[in-house]
Amino acid sequence: MRGERQYLFMKGELGPTLDNVRKKALEEVEAMDANRLLQVSETDLVDYLMDQYSVEPICLTKDQMYVTEPKEVDIDVTGDPRRFTFPGERAIMRGVAFSVVVPFSGTEILFYCRPQTFTLNPPAGRVEKQNLYLDFQQIENNGDAVKQACDRAIADIEQYLQNGEAQVKQHNEKLEQDVRQAIARRKKRLLDNQGLVSSLGLPVKRRDVPDTYSIPMKPRKPRIQPPTAPAGAFKPEPALPEAEYEHILEILGNMAVAMERSPRTFAKLDEEEIRDHFLVQLNGHYEGQASGETFNYEGKTDILIRHEGRTVFIAECKFWKGEKALLETIDQLLGYTSWRDTKTAIVLFNRTKNFSNVLGQIPEVVAKHPNFKKVLGKRGETQFRYLFHHRDDKNRELTVTVLAFDVPSPEG
């Protein structure tokens, strides 16, 4: 088995290569059209950039390996101690050439870059279209020798890939963090610039900027398309601070604890009556700004908090009645929210006997909604936070927290 060897993991070092990929991602953030950056969904933009620039670990699909059709070739055996040749004479013998092909998934660039831990004798092979080729030439018909050589080569390649896994993981984690920070920094800078220009009191003449994305050097073919920005110039909108949202949810949670401690008081109350108890607590903190059954956008919502005439929080209170009812409640909540209402909640009361079963169903049901985007986290066993997009604009995002409470029942 002889022939010219093509070595893997020899075209550069993995660390600097990954740093260069991350640098290009940050450069794309800086190169984006300002109006587009301010208007598109930040979640979608991060997902797009992560799809473009994250590095997927390579996995060899060894159960789909195959061998190419053998071809007759001339093989140079000069210098082979088993072959006698005269000094200065080349020895050529007729043999066969073929390749063992191993399909793989992951980012091809990892086959070319040397990880921090490596050997002085890297494995040989070549990569084409998500396939790893291990090339062999043989004069004698020796299948066992080929199999042993193939097994050794695959083992060496997998060891190199494993040596680089920690660097790949660190790159992907740092990439997402750095991309989010770069977007936040540039957005703040753009908004500060808008404020400066507005303070001059002069009309702004906008430049015509092509509505396109720059095409980066992609480590792999993207699966996610760049988010599309709505027409028109960006207009800043106020939003409820995250800390204030957490405070409201804490108030709702404390009220639920009070219900659990006084079951007789709440056992016979219906949705509206239970909601009124929540409103009492919220009004104690927000100086009468919390109200119930208030008209907003397309209907009346159960709990609504306004600040200086602007809706900052909306919640809907419901008893658990199964999957269909929860999806309808989400529809109802989204129908209440205007574009500025970005912080919402569903307060879900359970009077069934199996509360654990209800908690297990909530994530599955919520993910089925057509406006669902992603899971944002979970607080304990009874609070679930999700990101949704507005029905009329995918770039308008809403945070929806589902708070599930096991309330006393009349039978109990």
Protein backbone atom coordinates (compact mmCIF):
# COMPACT_ATOMS: atom_id res chain seq x y z
CA MET A 1 0.00 0.00 0.00
CA ARG A 2 1.97 2.96 -1.31
CA GLY A 3 1.22 6.32 -2.85
CA GLU A 4 1.50 10.03 -2.18
CA ARG A 5 0.11 10.80 1.26
CA GLN A 6 -2.15 13.80 1.90
CA TYR A 7 -1.96 14.76 5.54
CA LEU A 8 -4.87 16.13 7.58
CA PHE A 9 -4.68 18.76 10.35
CA MET A 10 -1.69 20.49 8.75
CA LYS A 11 -2.97 23.73 7.17
CA GLY A 12 -3.02 25.86 10.31
CA GLU A 13 -3.56 25.94 14.05
CA LEU A 14 -7.11 25.50 15.34
CA GLY A 15 -7.01 28.31 17.93
CA PRO A 16 -6.06 31.19 15.59
CA THR A 17 -8.41 29.84 12.92
CA LEU A 18 -11.37 29.91 15.30
CA ASP A 19 -10.35 33.42 16.44
CA ASN A 20 -10.45 34.54 12.82
CA VAL A 21 -13.94 33.07 12.34
CA ARG A 22 -15.16 34.93 15.44
CA LYS A 23 -13.55 38.14 14.19
CA LYS A 24 -15.46 37.89 10.90
CA ALA A 25 -18.75 37.45 12.80
CA LEU A 26 -18.12 40.65 14.77
CA GLU A 27 -17.12 42.45 11.58
CA GLU A 28 -20.46 41.49 10.03
CA VAL A 29 -22.28 43.06 12.98
CA GLU A 30 -20.35 46.29 12.46
CA ALA A 31 -20.93 46.24 8.69
CA MET A 32 -24.70 45.78 8.87
CA ASP A 33 -26.99 48.57 7.75
CA ALA A 34 -27.88 50.58 10.87
CA ASN A 35 -31.61 50.73 10.22
CA ARG A 36 -31.74 46.98 9.61
CA LEU A 37 -29.79 46.21 12.78
CA LEU A 38 -32.19 48.28 14.87
CA GLN A 39 -35.34 46.75 13.38
CA VAL A 40 -34.71 43.03 12.99
CA SER A 41 -35.32 40.56 15.77
CA GLU A 42 -32.18 40.33 17.87
CA THR A 43 -32.92 36.67 18.59
CA ASP A 44 -33.19 35.86 14.88
CA LEU A 45 -30.05 37.84 14.10
CA VAL A 46 -28.04 35.98 16.75
CA ASP A 47 -29.36 32.64 15.46
CA TYR A 48 -28.37 33.60 11.91
CA LEU A 49 -24.85 34.65 12.88
CA MET A 50 -24.39 31.56 15.04
CA ASP A 51 -25.44 29.38 12.11
CA GLN A 52 -22.95 31.21 9.89
CA TYR A 53 -19.97 31.22 12.24
CA SER A 54 -20.39 28.51 14.87
CA VAL A 55 -18.33 25.37 14.34
CA GLU A 56 -20.08 22.01 14.49
CA PRO A 57 -17.96 19.15 15.87
CA ILE A 58 -17.26 16.44 13.32
CA CYS A 59 -18.90 13.05 13.71
CA LEU A 60 -17.76 10.20 11.47
CA THR A 61 -20.69 8.07 10.27
CA LYS A 62 -18.82 4.81 10.34
CA ASP A 63 -21.91 2.66 9.84
CA GLN A 64 -22.24 4.18 6.33
CA MET A 65 -18.66 3.56 5.18
CA TYR A 66 -18.10 2.16 1.70
CA VAL A 67 -15.27 1.36 -0.72
CA THR A 68 -14.83 2.91 -4.16
CA GLU A 69 -14.41 0.74 -7.22
CA PRO A 70 -10.74 -0.37 -7.54
CA LYS A 71 -8.67 0.86 -10.48
CA GLU A 72 -5.45 -0.50 -11.91
CA VAL A 73 -2.52 1.88 -11.47
CA ASP A 74 1.27 1.95 -11.74
CA ILE A 75 2.85 1.98 -8.29
CA ASP A 76 6.37 3.22 -7.64
CA VAL A 77 8.05 0.68 -5.35
CA THR A 78 11.52 2.26 -5.56
CA GLY A 79 13.21 1.96 -2.18
CA ASP A 80 10.96 -0.83 -0.98
CA PRO A 81 13.35 -3.22 0.78
CA ARG A 82 11.26 -6.12 -0.44
CA ARG A 83 11.87 -5.15 -4.10
CA PHE A 84 15.31 -5.45 -5.72
CA THR A 85 16.28 -2.55 -7.99
CA PHE A 86 19.57 -1.47 -9.48
CA PRO A 87 21.10 1.74 -8.10
CA GLY A 88 19.49 4.81 -9.69
CA GLU A 89 16.73 2.76 -11.27
CA ARG A 90 13.02 3.34 -10.60
CA ALA A 91 10.90 0.28 -9.93
CA ILE A 92 7.29 0.40 -11.16
CA MET A 93 4.79 -2.37 -10.58
CA ARG A 94 1.17 -2.80 -11.54
CA GLY A 95 -1.27 -2.61 -8.66
CA VAL A 96 -4.72 -1.44 -7.60
CA ALA A 97 -5.94 1.84 -6.04
CA PHE A 98 -9.17 2.42 -4.12
CA SER A 99 -10.56 4.54 -1.29
CA VAL A 100 -12.45 3.82 1.89
CA VAL A 101 -15.07 6.59 2.16
CA VAL A 102 -16.41 7.70 5.55
CA PRO A 103 -19.36 10.17 5.47
CA PHE A 104 -19.33 12.76 8.24
CA SER A 105 -21.34 15.63 9.69
CA GLY A 106 -19.82 18.81 11.04
CA THR A 107 -17.64 21.69 9.92
CA GLU A 108 -15.05 20.61 7.38
CA ILE A 109 -12.46 23.17 8.53
CA LEU A 110 -11.72 21.00 11.58
CA PHE A 111 -9.98 18.44 9.35
CA TYR A 112 -7.41 21.04 8.31
CA CYS A 113 -6.48 22.67 11.64
CA ARG A 114 -4.09 21.30 14.24
CA PRO A 115 -5.50 21.21 17.80
CA GLN A 116 -3.43 22.11 20.85
CA THR A 117 -2.59 18.44 21.43
CA PHE A 118 -1.14 16.68 18.39
CA THR A 119 1.48 14.16 17.24
CA LEU A 120 4.42 14.49 14.87
CA ASN A 121 2.85 11.89 12.57
CA PRO A 122 -0.61 13.24 11.62
CA PRO A 123 -3.12 10.96 9.90
CA ALA A 124 -3.53 11.04 6.13
CA GLY A 125 -6.73 11.49 4.14
CA ARG A 126 -8.68 13.93 1.99
CA VAL A 127 -12.05 15.60 2.34
CA GLU A 128 -14.65 16.15 -0.38
CA LYS A 129 -18.33 17.09 0.04
CA GLN A 130 -18.88 15.81 3.58
CA ASN A 131 -16.93 12.65 2.88
CA LEU A 132 -13.57 11.59 4.28
CA TYR A 133 -11.47 9.58 1.81
CA LEU A 134 -8.78 7.19 3.00
CA ASP A 135 -6.75 6.29 -0.10
CA PHE A 136 -5.00 2.96 -0.50
CA GLN A 137 -2.74 1.38 -3.12
CA GLN A 138 -1.87 -2.30 -3.04
CA ILE A 139 0.15 -4.70 -5.11
CA GLU A 140 -0.69 -7.86 -3.23
CA ASN A 141 -4.31 -8.81 -2.52
CA ASN A 142 -4.29 -8.41 1.27
CA GLY A 143 -7.68 -7.40 2.70
CA ASP A 144 -6.60 -7.84 6.32
CA ALA A 145 -3.78 -5.33 5.92
CA VAL A 146 -6.16 -2.77 4.42
CA LYS A 147 -8.67 -3.22 7.23
CA GLN A 148 -6.00 -2.81 9.90
CA ALA A 149 -4.59 0.29 8.22
CA CYS A 150 -8.09 1.74 7.83
CA ASP A 151 -8.95 1.13 11.49
CA ARG A 152 -5.70 2.77 12.61
CA ALA A 153 -6.29 5.81 10.40
CA ILE A 154 -9.85 6.32 11.65
CA ALA A 155 -8.74 5.94 15.27
CA ASP A 156 -5.98 8.54 14.76
CA ILE A 157 -8.37 10.97 13.05
CA GLU A 158 -10.98 10.61 15.79
CA GLN A 159 -8.30 11.24 18.40
CA TYR A 160 -7.28 14.48 16.67
CA LEU A 161 -10.92 15.57 16.48
CA GLN A 162 -11.42 14.73 20.14
CA ASN A 163 -8.31 16.77 21.02
CA GLY A 164 -9.96 19.83 19.47
CA GLU A 165 -13.43 19.41 21.00
CA ALA A 166 -12.74 21.65 24.00
CA GLN A 167 -11.51 24.47 21.72
CA VAL A 168 -14.59 24.14 19.51
CA LYS A 169 -16.94 24.23 22.49
CA GLN A 170 -15.18 27.28 23.91
CA HIS A 171 -15.36 29.01 20.51
CA ASN A 172 -19.12 28.47 20.17
CA GLU A 173 -19.85 29.64 23.71
CA LYS A 174 -17.66 32.72 23.38
CA LEU A 175 -19.02 33.44 19.90
CA GLU A 176 -22.62 33.69 21.09
CA GLN A 177 -21.64 35.85 24.05
CA ASP A 178 -19.47 38.16 21.92
CA VAL A 179 -22.08 38.46 19.14
CA ARG A 180 -24.79 39.45 21.63
CA GLN A 181 -22.50 42.01 23.22
CA ALA A 182 -21.43 43.39 19.82
CA ILE A 183 -25.07 43.81 18.75
CA ALA A 184 -25.95 45.49 22.06
CA ARG A 185 -22.95 47.85 21.85
CA ARG A 186 -23.67 48.89 18.29
CA LYS A 187 -27.39 49.36 18.97
CA LYS A 188 -26.58 51.59 21.92
CA ARG A 189 -24.11 53.56 19.84
CA LEU A 190 -26.66 54.00 17.05
CA LEU A 191 -29.39 55.10 19.46
CA ASP A 192 -27.02 57.52 21.15
CA ASN A 193 -26.16 58.96 17.74
CA GLN A 194 -29.85 59.34 16.94
CA GLY A 195 -30.37 61.18 20.20
CA LEU A 196 -27.48 63.51 19.43
CA VAL A 197 -28.82 64.31 15.95
CA SER A 198 -32.35 64.83 17.27
CA SER A 199 -31.08 67.31 19.88
CA LEU A 200 -29.86 69.60 17.09
CA GLY A 201 -33.44 70.35 16.04
CA LEU A 202 -32.65 70.01 12.32
CA PRO A 203 -34.30 67.67 9.78
CA VAL A 204 -32.40 64.46 9.08
CA LYS A 205 -31.78 63.47 5.46
CA ARG A 206 -31.14 59.76 5.38
CA ARG A 207 -28.62 58.22 3.03
CA ASP A 208 -29.72 55.54 0.60
CA VAL A 209 -28.18 52.32 1.86
CA PRO A 210 -28.50 49.00 -0.04
CA ASP A 211 -30.81 46.65 1.83
CA THR A 212 -28.43 43.72 1.70
CA TYR A 213 -26.15 41.60 3.89
CA SER A 214 -22.47 41.24 3.23
CA ILE A 215 -21.51 37.71 2.30
CA PRO A 216 -19.01 36.38 4.88
CA MET A 217 -16.48 33.59 4.62
CA LYS A 218 -18.73 30.82 5.87
CA PRO A 219 -17.24 27.80 7.63
CA ARG A 220 -20.24 25.80 6.32
CA LYS A 221 -23.39 26.26 4.28
CA PRO A 222 -25.96 28.26 6.30
CA ARG A 223 -29.29 26.75 7.19
CA ILE A 224 -30.81 29.95 8.55
CA GLN A 225 -31.59 32.89 6.29
CA PRO A 226 -30.79 36.43 7.46
CA PRO A 227 -33.78 38.09 9.18
CA THR A 228 -35.71 40.57 7.06
CA ALA A 229 -36.19 44.11 8.37
CA PRO A 230 -39.54 45.90 7.94
CA ALA A 231 -39.75 48.92 5.65
CA GLY A 232 -39.23 52.39 7.07
CA ALA A 233 -36.86 53.97 9.54
CA PHE A 234 -36.41 52.61 13.03
CA LYS A 235 -38.26 54.41 15.84
CA PRO A 236 -37.12 53.72 19.41
CA GLU A 237 -39.81 52.35 21.72
CA PRO A 238 -39.77 52.21 25.54
CA ALA A 239 -39.80 48.79 27.20
CA LEU A 240 -40.33 47.41 30.68
CA PRO A 241 -36.94 46.79 32.34
CA GLU A 242 -36.17 43.16 33.05
CA ALA A 243 -35.77 43.82 36.78
CA GLU A 244 -39.27 45.33 36.92
CA TYR A 245 -40.70 42.35 35.07
CA GLU A 246 -39.07 40.01 37.58
CA HIS A 247 -40.57 42.08 40.42
CA ILE A 248 -44.08 41.73 38.99
CA LEU A 249 -43.67 37.98 38.61
CA GLU A 250 -42.40 37.78 42.19
CA ILE A 251 -45.56 39.52 43.41
CA LEU A 252 -47.71 37.03 41.52
CA GLY A 253 -45.70 34.15 42.98
CA ASN A 254 -46.05 35.46 46.53
CA MET A 255 -49.82 35.69 46.06
CA ALA A 256 -49.88 32.03 45.05
CA VAL A 257 -48.05 31.11 48.25
CA ALA A 258 -50.72 32.98 50.21
CA MET A 259 -53.43 30.91 48.48
CA GLU A 260 -51.69 27.70 49.41
CA ARG A 261 -51.49 28.77 53.05
CA SER A 262 -55.19 29.75 53.23
CA PRO A 263 -56.98 27.06 51.22
CA ARG A 264 -60.44 27.67 52.71
CA THR A 265 -60.40 31.31 51.64
CA PHE A 266 -59.70 30.54 47.99
CA ALA A 267 -61.32 27.13 47.46
CA LYS A 268 -64.66 28.46 46.15
CA LEU A 269 -63.36 31.47 44.19
CA ASP A 270 -63.65 31.60 40.41
CA GLU A 271 -61.09 33.05 37.95
CA GLU A 272 -62.28 36.63 38.29
CA GLU A 273 -62.34 36.54 42.06
CA ILE A 274 -58.85 34.99 42.27
CA ARG A 275 -57.60 37.58 39.77
CA ASP A 276 -58.89 40.40 41.99
CA HIS A 277 -56.65 39.20 44.81
CA PHE A 278 -53.65 39.42 42.49
CA LEU A 279 -54.70 42.94 41.49
CA VAL A 280 -54.81 44.04 45.12
CA GLN A 281 -51.18 43.00 45.57
CA LEU A 282 -50.04 44.60 42.30
CA ASN A 283 -51.80 47.89 43.05
CA GLY A 284 -50.00 48.02 46.38
CA HIS A 285 -46.73 48.22 44.46
CA TYR A 286 -47.82 50.21 41.41
CA GLU A 287 -50.01 52.89 43.02
CA GLY A 288 -53.29 51.83 41.50
CA GLN A 289 -51.89 51.35 38.00
CA ALA A 290 -52.93 47.68 37.91
CA SER A 291 -56.41 46.94 36.59
CA GLY A 292 -58.49 43.98 35.48
CA GLU A 293 -60.76 43.35 32.50
CA THR A 294 -59.21 46.35 30.77
CA PHE A 295 -59.60 46.95 27.04
CA ASN A 296 -56.27 46.70 25.23
CA TYR A 297 -55.64 46.32 21.50
CA GLU A 298 -58.18 43.64 20.48
CA GLY A 299 -59.99 42.82 23.71
CA LYS A 300 -60.07 42.82 27.47
CA THR A 301 -57.17 41.35 29.42
CA ASP A 302 -57.32 40.04 32.98
CA ILE A 303 -54.37 41.97 34.45
CA LEU A 304 -52.86 45.10 32.97
CA ILE A 305 -50.33 47.54 34.41
CA ARG A 306 -49.91 51.00 32.91
CA HIS A 307 -47.23 53.57 33.52
CA GLU A 308 -47.66 57.16 32.37
CA GLY A 309 -50.46 56.08 30.05
CA ARG A 310 -48.45 53.25 28.48
CA THR A 311 -49.12 49.54 28.93
CA VAL A 312 -46.05 47.88 30.41
CA PHE A 313 -47.38 44.47 31.50
CA ILE A 314 -50.27 42.20 30.49
CA ALA A 315 -51.35 38.91 32.05
CA GLU A 316 -54.17 36.46 31.47
CA CYS A 317 -55.56 34.27 34.28
CA LYS A 318 -56.97 30.84 33.41
CA PHE A 319 -57.81 27.51 34.97
CA TRP A 320 -56.01 24.56 33.37
CA LYS A 321 -58.39 22.83 30.94
CA GLY A 322 -55.96 21.03 28.66
CA GLU A 323 -53.88 21.67 25.54
CA LYS A 324 -56.53 23.36 23.39
CA ALA A 325 -57.45 25.83 26.12
CA LEU A 326 -53.80 26.80 26.77
CA LEU A 327 -53.15 27.43 23.06
CA GLU A 328 -56.30 29.56 22.90
CA THR A 329 -55.10 31.50 25.94
CA ILE A 330 -51.80 32.24 24.18
CA ASP A 331 -53.75 33.44 21.13
CA GLN A 332 -55.86 35.60 23.40
CA LEU A 333 -52.81 37.08 25.09
CA LEU A 334 -51.09 37.86 21.80
CA GLY A 335 -54.28 39.52 20.61
CA TYR A 336 -54.17 41.89 23.57
CA THR A 337 -50.60 43.02 23.00
CA SER A 338 -49.69 46.00 20.91
CA TRP A 339 -46.13 46.28 19.61
CA ARG A 340 -44.94 48.08 22.73
CA ASP A 341 -46.27 45.43 25.10
CA THR A 342 -43.30 43.08 25.26
CA LYS A 343 -43.63 41.60 28.77
CA THR A 344 -46.57 39.28 29.42
CA ALA A 345 -47.63 36.36 31.58
CA ILE A 346 -50.17 33.56 31.76
CA VAL A 347 -51.25 32.78 35.32
CA LEU A 348 -52.44 29.20 35.15
CA PHE A 349 -54.53 27.82 38.02
CA ASN A 350 -54.74 24.05 38.45
CA ARG A 351 -57.52 22.27 40.33
CA THR A 352 -56.91 18.80 38.90
CA LYS A 353 -55.51 16.03 41.08
CA ASN A 354 -52.28 15.53 39.11
CA PHE A 355 -50.40 18.84 39.14
CA SER A 356 -47.13 17.15 38.10
CA ASN A 357 -48.78 15.92 34.92
CA VAL A 358 -49.94 19.45 34.13
CA LEU A 359 -46.41 20.82 34.62
CA GLY A 360 -45.06 18.17 32.26
CA GLN A 361 -47.54 19.11 29.51
CA ILE A 362 -46.98 22.88 29.54
CA PRO A 363 -43.63 22.97 27.64
CA GLU A 364 -44.89 20.55 24.97
CA VAL A 365 -48.11 22.51 24.42
CA VAL A 366 -46.46 25.94 24.29
CA ALA A 367 -43.91 24.78 21.69
CA LYS A 368 -46.77 23.86 19.32
CA HIS A 369 -47.98 27.44 19.00
CA PRO A 370 -47.15 28.95 15.58
CA ASN A 371 -45.77 32.14 17.16
CA PHE A 372 -43.40 30.27 19.49
CA LYS A 373 -39.70 31.10 18.94
CA LYS A 374 -37.61 29.65 21.75
CA VAL A 375 -37.37 28.68 25.42
CA LEU A 376 -35.86 31.40 27.59
CA GLY A 377 -35.59 29.44 30.82
CA LYS A 378 -37.38 27.93 33.77
CA ARG A 379 -37.78 29.04 37.39
CA GLY A 380 -38.17 26.09 39.68
CA GLU A 381 -40.86 23.61 38.71
CA THR A 382 -43.75 25.98 38.09
CA GLN A 383 -42.48 28.97 36.04
CA PHE A 384 -41.73 28.67 32.32
CA ARG A 385 -40.42 31.55 30.20
CA TYR A 386 -40.70 31.70 26.40
CA LEU A 387 -40.08 34.03 23.50
CA PHE A 388 -42.90 34.62 21.00
CA HIS A 389 -43.18 36.86 17.98
CA HIS A 390 -46.06 39.22 17.31
CA ARG A 391 -48.74 37.99 14.93
CA ASP A 392 -48.16 40.86 12.51
CA ASP A 393 -44.37 41.23 12.67
CA LYS A 394 -41.79 38.51 13.34
CA ASN A 395 -39.24 41.14 14.40
CA ARG A 396 -41.48 42.19 17.31
CA GLU A 397 -40.79 39.80 20.16
CA LEU A 398 -42.78 39.14 23.32
CA THR A 399 -41.65 37.49 26.51
CA VAL A 400 -44.35 35.16 27.86
CA THR A 401 -43.97 33.64 31.30
CA VAL A 402 -46.33 30.83 32.28
CA LEU A 403 -46.83 30.67 36.06
CA ALA A 404 -48.64 27.51 37.14
CA PHE A 405 -50.25 27.35 40.58
CA ASP A 406 -51.99 24.47 42.33
CA VAL A 407 -54.99 26.19 43.93
CA PRO A 408 -57.44 24.66 46.43
CA SER A 409 -60.60 23.11 45.05
CA PRO A 410 -64.08 23.14 46.67
CA GLU A 411 -63.98 19.36 47.02
CA GLY A 412 -60.63 19.58 48.83
